[in-house]
Protein backbone atom coordinates (compact mmCIF):
# COMPACT_ATOMS: atom_id res chain seq x y z
CA TYR A 1 163.23 86.01 154.52
CA ALA A 2 160.41 83.47 154.85
CA LEU A 3 157.83 85.97 153.62
CA MET A 4 159.87 86.87 150.54
CA THR A 5 160.92 83.32 149.58
CA GLN A 6 157.37 82.03 150.04
CA ARG A 7 156.13 84.97 147.94
CA ARG A 8 153.85 86.30 150.69
CA PHE A 9 155.48 89.77 150.68
CA GLU A 10 157.98 91.55 148.42
CA PRO A 11 159.62 94.96 148.87
CA ASN A 12 159.92 97.39 145.94
CA SER A 13 162.41 96.48 143.21
CA PRO A 14 165.37 98.66 144.36
CA THR A 15 165.39 96.83 147.71
CA LEU A 16 165.52 93.48 145.93
CA MET A 17 168.22 94.70 143.53
CA ASN A 18 170.43 96.80 145.82
CA ALA A 19 170.24 95.38 149.36
CA GLY A 20 173.60 93.91 150.37
CA ARG A 21 175.37 95.60 147.45
CA PRO A 22 177.68 98.63 147.59
CA LEU A 23 175.04 100.97 146.10
CA GLY A 24 172.58 100.18 148.89
CA GLN A 25 169.81 102.52 147.62
CA LEU A 26 166.58 100.74 148.51
CA SER A 27 163.72 103.12 147.58
CA ALA A 28 161.69 103.43 144.40
CA CYS A 29 159.85 106.74 144.84
CA PHE A 30 161.21 110.29 145.00
CA VAL A 31 159.99 113.83 144.37
CA LEU A 32 162.39 116.71 143.69
CA PRO A 33 161.69 120.47 143.78
CA VAL A 34 162.07 122.57 140.61
CA ASP A 35 162.52 126.28 141.34
CA ASP A 36 162.29 129.14 138.87
CA ALA A 37 166.04 129.61 138.38
CA LEU A 38 168.59 127.87 136.19
CA SER A 39 170.71 127.30 139.28
CA ASN A 40 170.54 128.46 142.86
CA GLY A 41 172.97 125.93 144.25
CA GLN A 42 170.25 123.51 145.35
CA THR A 43 166.78 123.52 143.78
CA GLY A 44 167.28 125.37 140.49
CA ILE A 45 166.42 123.64 137.21
CA TYR A 46 169.95 122.35 136.54
CA ASP A 47 170.63 121.53 140.21
CA THR A 48 167.55 119.30 140.16
CA LEU A 49 168.62 117.80 136.84
CA ARG A 50 171.83 116.60 138.52
CA SER A 51 169.86 115.23 141.49
CA MET A 52 167.53 113.38 139.10
CA ALA A 53 170.50 111.72 137.39
CA LEU A 54 171.85 110.48 140.74
CA ILE A 55 168.46 109.04 141.71
CA HIS A 56 167.99 107.32 138.35
CA GLN A 57 171.49 105.89 138.54
CA SER A 58 170.57 104.35 141.90
CA GLY A 59 167.39 102.69 140.57
CA GLY A 60 164.78 105.22 141.75
CA GLY A 61 162.03 107.04 139.88
CA THR A 62 161.35 110.76 140.16
CA GLY A 63 158.36 113.08 140.21
CA PHE A 64 158.44 116.83 139.54
CA GLY A 65 155.99 119.67 139.99
CA PHE A 66 156.86 122.15 137.23
CA SER A 67 154.31 124.69 138.45
CA ARG A 68 156.85 127.07 140.02
CA LEU A 69 158.41 127.80 136.59
CA ARG A 70 157.34 131.00 134.83
CA ALA A 71 155.24 130.72 131.70
CA LYS A 72 156.58 130.50 128.18
CA GLY A 73 157.34 133.99 126.86
CA ALA A 74 157.47 135.63 130.32
CA MET A 75 160.19 138.22 130.88
CA VAL A 76 163.40 137.10 132.60
CA ARG A 77 164.71 140.28 134.21
CA SER A 78 168.25 139.05 134.85
CA THR A 79 168.88 138.52 131.12
CA THR A 80 166.09 140.67 129.58
CA GLY A 81 165.21 137.51 127.64
CA VAL A 82 162.05 135.43 127.72
CA ALA A 83 161.36 132.16 129.51
CA SER A 84 160.97 128.95 127.52
CA GLY A 85 158.35 127.52 129.91
CA PRO A 86 157.84 124.33 131.93
CA VAL A 87 157.32 122.01 128.94
CA SER A 88 160.73 122.83 127.48
CA PHE A 89 162.46 121.97 130.75
CA MET A 90 160.48 118.77 131.11
CA LYS A 91 161.83 117.76 127.71
CA LEU A 92 165.34 118.59 128.91
CA TYR A 93 164.83 116.22 131.87
CA ASP A 94 163.46 113.60 129.48
CA SER A 95 166.60 113.74 127.32
CA SER A 96 168.80 113.39 130.39
CA THR A 97 166.82 110.35 131.49
CA ASP A 98 167.65 108.67 128.17
CA ALA A 99 171.32 109.20 128.92
CA VAL A 100 171.23 107.64 132.41
CA LYS A 101 169.85 104.12 132.55
CA GLN A 102 168.62 103.39 136.07
CA GLY A 103 171.48 101.57 137.80
CA GLY A 104 171.94 99.38 134.74
CA THR A 105 168.73 97.54 135.69
CA ARG A 106 165.71 99.82 135.16
CA ARG A 107 164.66 102.35 132.55
CA GLY A 108 164.39 105.86 133.98
CA ALA A 109 160.85 106.81 134.99
CA ASN A 110 159.44 110.26 135.72
CA MET A 111 156.19 112.00 136.55
CA GLY A 112 155.65 115.55 135.36
CA ILE A 113 152.84 117.55 136.97
CA LEU A 114 151.56 121.04 136.22
CA ARG A 115 148.80 122.87 138.05
CA VAL A 116 145.63 123.51 136.09
CA ASP A 117 145.91 127.23 136.95
CA HIS A 118 149.40 127.59 135.41
CA PRO A 119 149.35 129.83 132.31
CA ASP A 120 150.99 127.07 130.20
CA VAL A 121 148.44 124.39 131.09
CA LEU A 122 147.14 123.99 127.51
CA ASP A 123 150.66 123.46 126.15
CA PHE A 124 151.26 120.91 128.89
CA ILE A 125 148.05 118.97 128.18
CA ALA A 126 149.05 118.73 124.51
CA CYS A 127 152.77 117.99 125.01
CA LYS A 128 152.42 114.21 124.57
CA GLU A 129 150.01 114.16 121.65
CA ASP A 130 153.15 113.21 119.71
CA LEU A 131 154.03 109.95 121.47
CA THR A 132 157.67 110.17 120.40
CA GLN A 133 158.07 113.13 122.79
CA ALA A 134 158.80 112.93 126.55
CA THR A 135 158.79 109.13 126.41
CA ASN A 136 160.33 108.83 129.88
CA PHE A 137 157.55 110.90 131.48
CA ASN A 138 154.03 110.20 132.61
CA ILE A 139 152.13 113.47 132.87
CA SER A 140 149.23 114.54 135.07
CA VAL A 141 147.44 117.82 135.59
CA ALA A 142 147.12 118.96 139.21
CA VAL A 143 143.42 119.79 139.36
CA THR A 144 142.08 122.06 142.12
CA GLU A 145 138.69 122.23 143.84
CA LYS A 146 138.16 125.71 142.37
CA PHE A 147 138.69 124.36 138.88
CA MET A 148 136.28 121.44 139.34
CA GLN A 149 133.65 123.83 140.69
CA ALA A 150 134.12 125.97 137.57
CA VAL A 151 133.73 122.85 135.38
CA LYS A 152 130.44 122.05 137.10
CA ALA A 153 129.23 125.64 136.82
CA GLY A 154 130.41 126.08 133.22
CA THR A 155 132.41 129.21 134.08
CA GLU A 156 135.90 130.54 133.53
CA TYR A 157 138.67 130.24 136.12
CA ASP A 158 141.83 132.22 136.89
CA LEU A 159 145.31 131.41 135.63
CA VAL A 160 147.95 132.48 138.16
CA ASP A 161 151.44 133.77 137.40
CA PRO A 162 153.75 131.46 139.41
CA VAL A 163 156.25 134.28 140.07
CA THR A 164 154.02 137.26 140.94
CA HIS A 165 151.01 135.15 142.09
CA GLU A 166 148.77 137.60 140.25
CA VAL A 167 145.97 136.66 137.86
CA ALA A 168 147.57 136.17 134.43
CA GLY A 169 144.47 135.32 132.41
CA ARG A 170 141.29 133.27 132.36
CA LEU A 171 140.20 130.11 130.60
CA ASP A 172 136.89 128.35 130.19
CA ALA A 173 137.07 125.42 132.63
CA ARG A 174 134.99 123.04 130.51
CA THR A 175 137.17 123.68 127.45
CA VAL A 176 140.30 122.76 129.45
CA TRP A 177 138.57 119.71 130.97
CA ASP A 178 137.47 118.60 127.48
CA LYS A 179 141.08 118.74 126.25
CA MET A 180 142.28 116.66 129.22
CA VAL A 181 139.56 114.05 128.66
CA LEU A 182 140.26 113.88 124.92
CA GLY A 183 143.98 113.40 125.53
CA ALA A 184 143.27 110.59 127.99
CA TRP A 185 140.93 108.93 125.48
CA ARG A 186 143.52 109.15 122.71
CA THR A 187 146.66 108.08 124.57
CA GLY A 188 145.96 107.60 128.29
CA GLU A 189 147.51 110.99 129.12
CA PRO A 190 147.28 113.34 130.88
CA GLY A 191 146.14 111.72 134.09
CA VAL A 192 144.56 113.81 136.82
CA PHE A 193 146.02 114.51 140.27
CA PHE A 194 143.37 115.94 142.61
CA ILE A 195 145.92 118.05 144.45
CA ASP A 196 143.63 119.64 147.07
CA GLU A 197 142.24 116.25 148.08
CA ALA A 198 145.78 114.85 148.39
CA ASN A 199 146.90 117.77 150.54
CA ARG A 200 143.91 117.35 152.87
CA TYR A 201 145.64 114.14 154.00
CA ASN A 202 149.23 115.45 153.98
CA PRO A 203 150.47 114.13 157.36
CA VAL A 204 153.03 116.92 157.86
CA PRO A 205 151.54 120.12 156.39
CA HIS A 206 153.94 122.28 158.41
CA LEU A 207 156.80 120.91 156.26
CA GLY A 208 155.19 121.90 152.96
CA ALA A 209 152.52 120.94 150.46
CA TYR A 210 152.36 118.17 147.89
CA GLU A 211 153.21 119.37 144.37
CA ALA A 212 153.86 116.04 142.67
CA THR A 213 153.76 112.26 142.94
CA ASN A 214 156.06 109.39 142.04
CA PRO A 215 155.95 108.07 138.43
CA CYS A 216 152.97 105.72 138.95
CA GLY A 217 150.91 108.29 140.88
CA GLU A 218 150.26 106.36 144.08
CA GLN A 219 152.66 108.32 146.26
CA PRO A 220 152.17 112.09 146.73
CA LEU A 221 155.45 113.36 148.18
CA LEU A 222 156.94 116.58 149.49
CA PRO A 223 160.07 118.03 147.84
CA TYR A 224 163.04 115.74 148.69
CA ASP A 225 160.61 113.16 150.02
CA VAL A 226 160.95 109.41 149.56
CA CYS A 227 158.94 106.28 150.28
CA ASN A 228 159.87 102.64 150.78
CA LEU A 229 157.18 100.44 149.28
CA GLY A 230 156.27 96.80 149.79
CA SER A 231 153.24 94.64 149.06
CA VAL A 232 151.54 91.68 150.69
CA ASN A 233 150.23 88.93 148.38
CA VAL A 234 146.61 88.70 149.56
CA GLY A 235 145.77 85.71 147.36
CA TRP A 236 148.25 83.57 149.30
CA TYR A 237 146.01 83.69 152.39
CA VAL A 238 142.89 82.10 150.88
CA ARG A 239 142.41 78.62 152.36
CA GLU A 240 139.90 75.78 152.10
CA ASP A 241 137.30 76.16 154.85
CA GLY A 242 136.71 72.44 155.44
CA ALA A 243 133.18 72.60 154.06
CA GLY A 244 134.02 72.58 150.36
CA GLY A 245 134.48 76.35 150.18
CA THR A 246 137.24 78.87 150.82
CA LYS A 247 137.98 81.66 153.30
CA LEU A 248 140.63 84.30 153.94
CA ASP A 249 143.00 83.52 156.82
CA TRP A 250 142.83 86.93 158.50
CA ASP A 251 145.05 85.89 161.42
CA ALA A 252 147.94 84.83 159.19
CA LEU A 253 147.48 87.92 157.04
CA GLY A 254 147.58 90.17 160.11
CA ARG A 255 150.82 88.61 161.39
CA ASP A 256 152.50 89.10 158.03
CA ILE A 257 151.27 92.70 157.69
CA ARG A 258 152.89 93.50 161.03
CA THR A 259 156.17 91.81 160.04
CA SER A 260 156.17 93.66 156.70
CA THR A 261 155.56 97.02 158.41
CA HIS A 262 158.50 96.36 160.75
CA PHE A 263 160.66 95.45 157.73
CA LEU A 264 159.80 98.66 155.87
CA ASP A 265 160.58 100.78 158.93
CA ASN A 266 163.99 99.09 159.21
CA ILE A 267 164.71 99.94 155.56
CA ILE A 268 164.68 103.67 156.41
CA ASP A 269 167.74 103.30 158.64
CA VAL A 270 169.86 101.00 156.46
CA ASN A 271 169.07 102.83 153.22
CA LYS A 272 171.88 104.71 151.45
CA TYR A 273 169.99 107.68 150.02
CA PRO A 274 171.35 109.47 146.94
CA LEU A 275 171.09 113.00 148.43
CA PRO A 276 171.63 114.34 151.98
CA GLU A 277 168.37 116.33 151.82
CA ILE A 278 166.45 113.11 151.13
CA ASP A 279 168.26 111.28 153.92
CA ALA A 280 167.39 114.02 156.43
CA LEU A 281 163.67 114.25 155.54
CA SER A 282 163.21 110.48 155.42
CA LYS A 283 164.34 110.20 159.03
CA ARG A 284 162.20 113.15 160.19
CA ILE A 285 158.93 111.69 158.89
CA ARG A 286 159.73 107.97 158.29
CA ARG A 287 157.19 107.48 155.47
CA ILE A 288 156.51 103.90 154.37
CA GLY A 289 154.01 102.45 151.92
CA LEU A 290 152.65 98.95 152.53
CA GLY A 291 150.09 97.77 150.01
CA VAL A 292 148.62 94.71 148.36
CA MET A 293 149.08 92.52 145.33
CA GLY A 294 147.23 89.35 144.40
CA PHE A 295 143.87 90.93 145.25
CA ALA A 296 142.22 89.69 142.03
CA ASP A 297 143.58 86.20 142.78
CA ALA A 298 142.02 86.35 146.26
CA LEU A 299 138.62 87.25 144.80
CA ILE A 300 138.85 84.40 142.28
CA LYS A 301 139.74 81.87 144.98
CA LEU A 302 136.85 83.17 147.08
CA GLY A 303 134.51 82.95 144.07
CA ILE A 304 133.69 86.68 144.12
CA PRO A 305 133.43 88.62 140.83
CA TYR A 306 135.51 91.82 140.83
CA ASP A 307 132.78 94.04 139.35
CA THR A 308 130.15 93.56 142.05
CA ALA A 309 129.15 95.25 145.30
CA GLU A 310 130.50 92.16 147.09
CA GLY A 311 133.85 92.51 145.31
CA VAL A 312 134.13 96.21 146.19
CA GLU A 313 133.18 95.52 149.80
CA MET A 314 135.88 92.85 150.04
CA GLY A 315 138.37 95.42 148.69
CA ARG A 316 137.30 97.92 151.34
CA ARG A 317 137.59 95.26 154.05
CA VAL A 318 141.05 94.07 152.94
CA MET A 319 142.44 97.62 152.82
CA GLN A 320 140.92 98.56 156.17
CA PHE A 321 142.47 95.46 157.72
CA LEU A 322 145.87 96.25 156.18
CA ASP A 323 145.67 99.84 157.42
CA VAL A 324 144.67 98.91 160.98
CA GLU A 325 147.24 96.12 161.33
CA GLY A 326 149.99 98.24 159.77
CA LYS A 327 149.29 101.14 162.13
CA THR A 328 149.10 98.78 165.10
CA GLU A 329 152.67 97.71 164.34
CA SER A 330 153.78 101.29 163.66
CA GLU A 331 152.36 102.27 167.07
CA ARG A 332 154.19 99.37 168.73
CA LEU A 333 157.44 100.47 167.07
CA ALA A 334 156.83 104.07 168.20
CA ARG A 335 156.56 102.94 171.82
CA GLU A 336 159.70 100.84 171.46
CA ARG A 337 161.86 103.15 169.29
CA GLY A 338 160.10 106.51 169.47
CA PRO A 339 157.63 108.18 167.07
CA PHE A 340 158.82 109.91 163.92
CA PRO A 341 160.47 113.21 164.97
CA GLU A 342 157.77 115.42 163.41
CA TRP A 343 154.94 113.46 165.06
CA ALA A 344 153.81 116.14 167.54
CA ARG A 345 153.13 118.68 164.76
CA SER A 346 151.70 116.13 162.31
CA ILE A 347 148.04 115.27 161.71
CA TRP A 348 148.49 112.35 164.13
CA GLY A 349 149.92 114.44 167.00
CA PRO A 350 148.56 116.81 169.65
CA ASP A 351 149.51 120.03 167.82
CA GLU A 352 147.58 119.20 164.62
CA THR A 353 145.76 122.23 163.20
CA CYS A 354 145.15 121.38 159.57
CA ALA A 355 143.29 118.20 158.65
CA ARG A 356 139.67 118.86 159.66
CA ASP A 357 136.41 117.95 158.04
CA ALA A 358 133.61 120.44 157.27
CA ASP A 359 132.38 120.24 160.88
CA GLY A 360 135.80 120.99 162.31
CA GLN A 361 136.39 117.42 163.45
CA ARG A 362 139.78 115.75 163.07
CA ILE A 363 140.12 113.67 159.91
CA ARG A 364 142.51 111.36 161.70
CA PRO A 365 142.44 110.35 165.40
CA MET A 366 145.50 111.23 167.48
CA GLN A 367 147.80 108.22 167.36
CA LEU A 368 151.41 107.64 168.36
CA LEU A 369 153.11 106.35 165.21
CA ARG A 370 156.60 105.46 164.08
CA ASN A 371 155.74 106.42 160.48
CA CYS A 372 153.91 109.51 159.15
CA ASN A 373 152.21 107.31 156.53
CA VAL A 374 151.95 103.54 156.55
CA THR A 375 149.84 102.48 153.55
CA THR A 376 150.05 102.89 149.78
CA VAL A 377 148.81 100.70 146.91
CA ALA A 378 151.51 100.43 144.23
CA PRO A 379 151.24 98.86 140.75
CA THR A 380 153.64 96.01 141.73
CA GLY A 381 154.63 95.40 138.11
CA THR A 382 157.89 93.54 138.69
CA ILE A 383 157.31 92.14 142.16
CA SER A 384 153.93 90.61 141.26
CA ILE A 385 155.70 88.65 138.51
CA ILE A 386 158.24 87.46 141.10
CA ALA A 387 155.41 86.55 143.49
CA GLY A 388 153.43 84.87 140.71
CA CYS A 389 150.27 86.84 141.42
CA SER A 390 147.98 89.51 139.99
CA SER A 391 149.25 93.08 140.21
CA GLY A 392 148.21 95.57 142.88
CA LEU A 393 144.45 95.83 143.24
CA GLU A 394 143.94 95.44 139.49
CA PRO A 395 141.57 92.82 138.06
CA LEU A 396 143.09 90.20 135.79
CA PHE A 397 144.13 91.82 132.53
CA ALA A 398 143.35 88.56 130.76
CA VAL A 399 143.36 84.86 131.58
CA ALA A 400 146.05 84.41 128.94
CA PHE A 401 148.01 87.27 127.36
CA MET A 402 151.38 88.37 126.02
CA ARG A 403 153.50 90.55 128.33
CA ASN A 404 156.07 93.02 126.93
CA GLN A 405 158.83 92.45 129.49
CA ALA A 406 161.84 94.68 128.70
CA GLY A 407 161.11 94.44 124.98
CA VAL A 408 160.55 90.65 124.91
CA MET A 409 157.03 89.28 124.42
CA MET A 410 156.35 86.58 127.02
CA PRO A 411 153.19 84.43 127.41
CA ASP A 412 151.37 84.61 130.73
CA VAL A 413 148.57 82.15 131.62
CA ASN A 414 146.56 82.31 134.85
CA GLU A 415 147.43 79.30 137.01
CA ASP A 416 144.12 79.28 138.92
CA PHE A 417 142.12 79.14 135.69
CA VAL A 418 144.19 76.22 134.34
CA ALA A 419 143.88 74.34 137.67
CA ILE A 420 140.08 74.76 137.76
CA ALA A 421 139.75 73.75 134.09
CA ARG A 422 141.83 70.61 134.66
CA ARG A 423 140.01 69.74 137.89
CA GLU A 424 136.56 70.09 136.32
CA GLY A 425 137.53 68.37 133.06
CA TRP A 426 137.04 71.15 130.50
CA TYR A 427 140.72 72.04 129.89
CA SER A 428 142.14 71.87 126.37
CA GLU A 429 145.11 73.46 124.64
CA ALA A 430 142.78 74.67 121.89
CA LEU A 431 140.59 76.48 124.43
CA MET A 432 143.60 78.14 126.05
CA GLU A 433 144.84 79.29 122.64
CA ARG A 434 141.40 80.70 121.80
CA ILE A 435 141.27 82.56 125.11
CA ALA A 436 144.73 84.06 124.51
CA LYS A 437 143.74 85.19 121.01
CA THR A 438 140.38 86.69 121.94
CA GLY A 439 141.36 88.07 125.35
CA THR A 440 138.16 86.77 126.98
CA VAL A 441 136.88 83.61 128.74
CA GLN A 442 133.42 84.01 127.20
CA HIS A 443 133.51 80.64 125.41
CA PRO A 444 130.92 77.80 125.48
CA GLU A 445 133.24 75.31 127.19
CA VAL A 446 133.76 77.62 130.18
CA PRO A 447 130.99 77.22 132.81
CA GLN A 448 128.94 80.37 133.37
CA ARG A 449 130.09 80.65 137.00
CA TRP A 450 133.75 80.80 135.99
CA GLN A 451 133.04 83.20 133.13
CA ARG A 452 131.65 85.55 135.78
CA VAL A 453 134.45 85.09 138.34
CA PHE A 454 137.28 85.34 135.79
CA VAL A 455 136.04 88.67 134.47
CA THR A 456 138.94 90.59 132.91
CA ALA A 457 139.92 94.26 132.94
CA ASN A 458 138.51 95.30 129.56
CA ASN A 459 135.22 93.47 130.19
CA ILE A 460 134.62 95.27 133.49
CA ALA A 461 132.43 98.35 133.23
CA PRO A 462 134.77 101.31 133.91
CA GLU A 463 132.60 102.49 136.81
CA TRP A 464 133.60 99.38 138.80
CA HIS A 465 137.29 100.16 138.37
CA VAL A 466 136.76 103.56 139.97
CA ARG A 467 134.47 102.23 142.70
CA MET A 468 137.12 99.67 143.66
CA GLN A 469 139.80 102.38 143.70
CA ALA A 470 137.61 104.57 145.92
CA ALA A 471 136.94 101.68 148.32
CA PHE A 472 140.67 101.11 148.79
CA GLN A 473 141.31 104.87 149.07
CA GLU A 474 138.99 105.11 152.10
CA HIS A 475 141.60 103.27 154.19
CA CYS A 476 144.84 104.26 152.48
CA ASP A 477 147.16 107.00 153.79
CA SER A 478 148.73 107.84 150.45
CA ALA A 479 147.09 107.07 147.12
CA ILE A 480 146.27 104.22 144.77
CA SER A 481 147.94 103.13 141.56
CA LYS A 482 144.94 102.10 139.46
CA THR A 483 144.23 102.19 135.76
CA THR A 484 140.63 102.26 134.60
CA ASN A 485 140.73 100.06 131.52
CA PHE A 486 138.48 100.71 128.55
CA ALA A 487 137.77 98.58 125.52
CA HIS A 488 139.00 100.12 122.27
CA THR A 489 135.41 101.04 121.36
CA ALA A 490 134.97 103.36 124.39
CA THR A 491 133.96 106.95 123.65
CA VAL A 492 135.32 110.28 124.88
CA GLU A 493 132.15 110.65 126.97
CA ASP A 494 132.89 107.33 128.68
CA VAL A 495 136.26 108.72 129.78
CA ARG A 496 134.70 112.00 130.95
CA ALA A 497 132.21 110.10 133.13
CA ILE A 498 135.03 108.19 134.85
CA TYR A 499 137.16 111.29 135.48
CA GLU A 500 134.16 113.00 137.08
CA LEU A 501 133.16 109.92 139.09
CA ALA A 502 136.71 109.68 140.50
CA TYR A 503 136.40 113.28 141.70
CA GLU A 504 132.97 112.69 143.26
CA LEU A 505 134.22 109.57 145.09
CA ARG A 506 137.21 111.52 146.51
CA CYS A 507 139.97 109.62 144.75
CA LYS A 508 143.34 111.41 144.82
CA GLY A 509 144.00 110.78 141.15
CA VAL A 510 142.68 108.96 138.12
CA THR A 511 144.29 107.29 135.11
CA VAL A 512 142.53 105.65 132.19
CA TYR A 513 143.72 103.52 129.30
CA ARG A 514 141.82 102.52 126.19
CA ASP A 515 142.99 99.18 124.84
CA GLY A 516 145.16 99.45 121.73
CA SER A 517 145.40 103.26 121.84
CA ARG A 518 149.23 103.17 122.00
CA ASP A 519 151.89 101.01 120.40
CA GLY A 520 154.12 99.02 122.75
CA GLN A 521 151.59 98.71 125.57
CA VAL A 522 152.88 96.44 128.34
CA LEU A 523 150.05 93.86 128.29
CA SER A 524 148.24 92.75 125.15
CA THR A 525 145.84 90.10 123.89
CA GLY A 526 144.56 89.08 120.49
CA ALA A 527 141.78 91.63 121.01
CA THR A 528 144.44 94.31 121.46
CA GLU A 529 146.06 93.43 118.16
CA GLN A 530 142.65 93.62 116.45
CA ALA A 531 142.05 97.03 118.04
CA LYS A 532 145.36 98.29 116.66
CA LYS A 533 144.34 97.23 113.14
CA GLU A 534 141.12 99.22 113.53
CA ARG A 535 142.85 102.48 114.58
């Protein structure tokens, strides 16, 4: 209670909205299976459609791997007809999402993922070129190691029939990659899910493989899997050091990480899950996802620019600390309450046979844990507003900007910037208005030091976005919600370079967004409005 009311830690929105209420569904992230049948009583297309509606009604978001569905035009033996393909069924799910508002409090959110070796991959890549289509879906292509090797070599790769598992055709890998990059440059979609890299760190491979993630991409999940998320506000822990500077209070941060981990583990047992299959799996593997918010605020208070080696190293250090402290508490809970039931056969247990590096060494040390995964970095859109801090590990979007909050444009001004400006005597309403209109602090009144520290998302070279994501990923069980922001003037080649850098740095996914490339973007500045006029 103290952590939440003092805005040091917040759980994901469904916990805040539903705890203590009859609904009692406290998780944000789900993945559901989609099998190649209209109905089989459990995981067929229409069975899953019903499950999706129940999850959305309870305030959760859903991810789907559509890769098991046969290609458009393939023969359906039971009816002697032809299949309509994964994209058509994704649009069916999209229409249903419109009809079921999430618990009366949240708009339905979905992630649709298709493997790059599915015969319909080109249709899938193009399915959101018309931005009025599939508006309740984010889409990502599940990219394999084989495909990326073919991109590098400039060769073709095999498409695989999802029903027969036989080769169904071949495509030029670079042509497909070009189409993905172009789509991301135009609209921010599709994103990329590096599916083989994600599965290398699947903690329970004996229970299945990852096919999809939650809607924001930070949580790869098994079919019927779920994750309780929460985030610690790192900026809260920066203190004066007594010598005119500032420092991070690691001891206080560690205590609160341990309390937050304990809290998230408790959520698993009090949660009222929307489906019995989800309830059962959640208690077998006890997945939680503790992450950060307020990281950009912490850097600002410490006087460290985001887009520097020092900034990236601080990100790596913060995430490593969170991971170690979180697992220390999970281990303590395992000794007190017992490890998660699948522990012995997991990558943490004695029977582990899967997660090895190239030399045959374990990727993870054997460790008694209460939770199969402990750490995730979520976007923290709503809860960072509640906590009054920057979101996730993202840099500041702007020092002053307009936020589209449920259709209402609301001004948002950075409190630290205003406090420094007032303290040092260069604050003025006119300056703040100019900053909001231009979207940058590069103005003569702002001292050079603060121009550097208050660097904003679109003024950061895209490479630094990816390097920060990779630094956090080194010490994160699941994945990272991170958008690499581009100025409106960025080129297609700029986007290609970032997608390829994310692969080289072993990120589990990558998402980019070019300012002003879509109407109705959530955060905007005067520069965004100018970009829209130039489209």
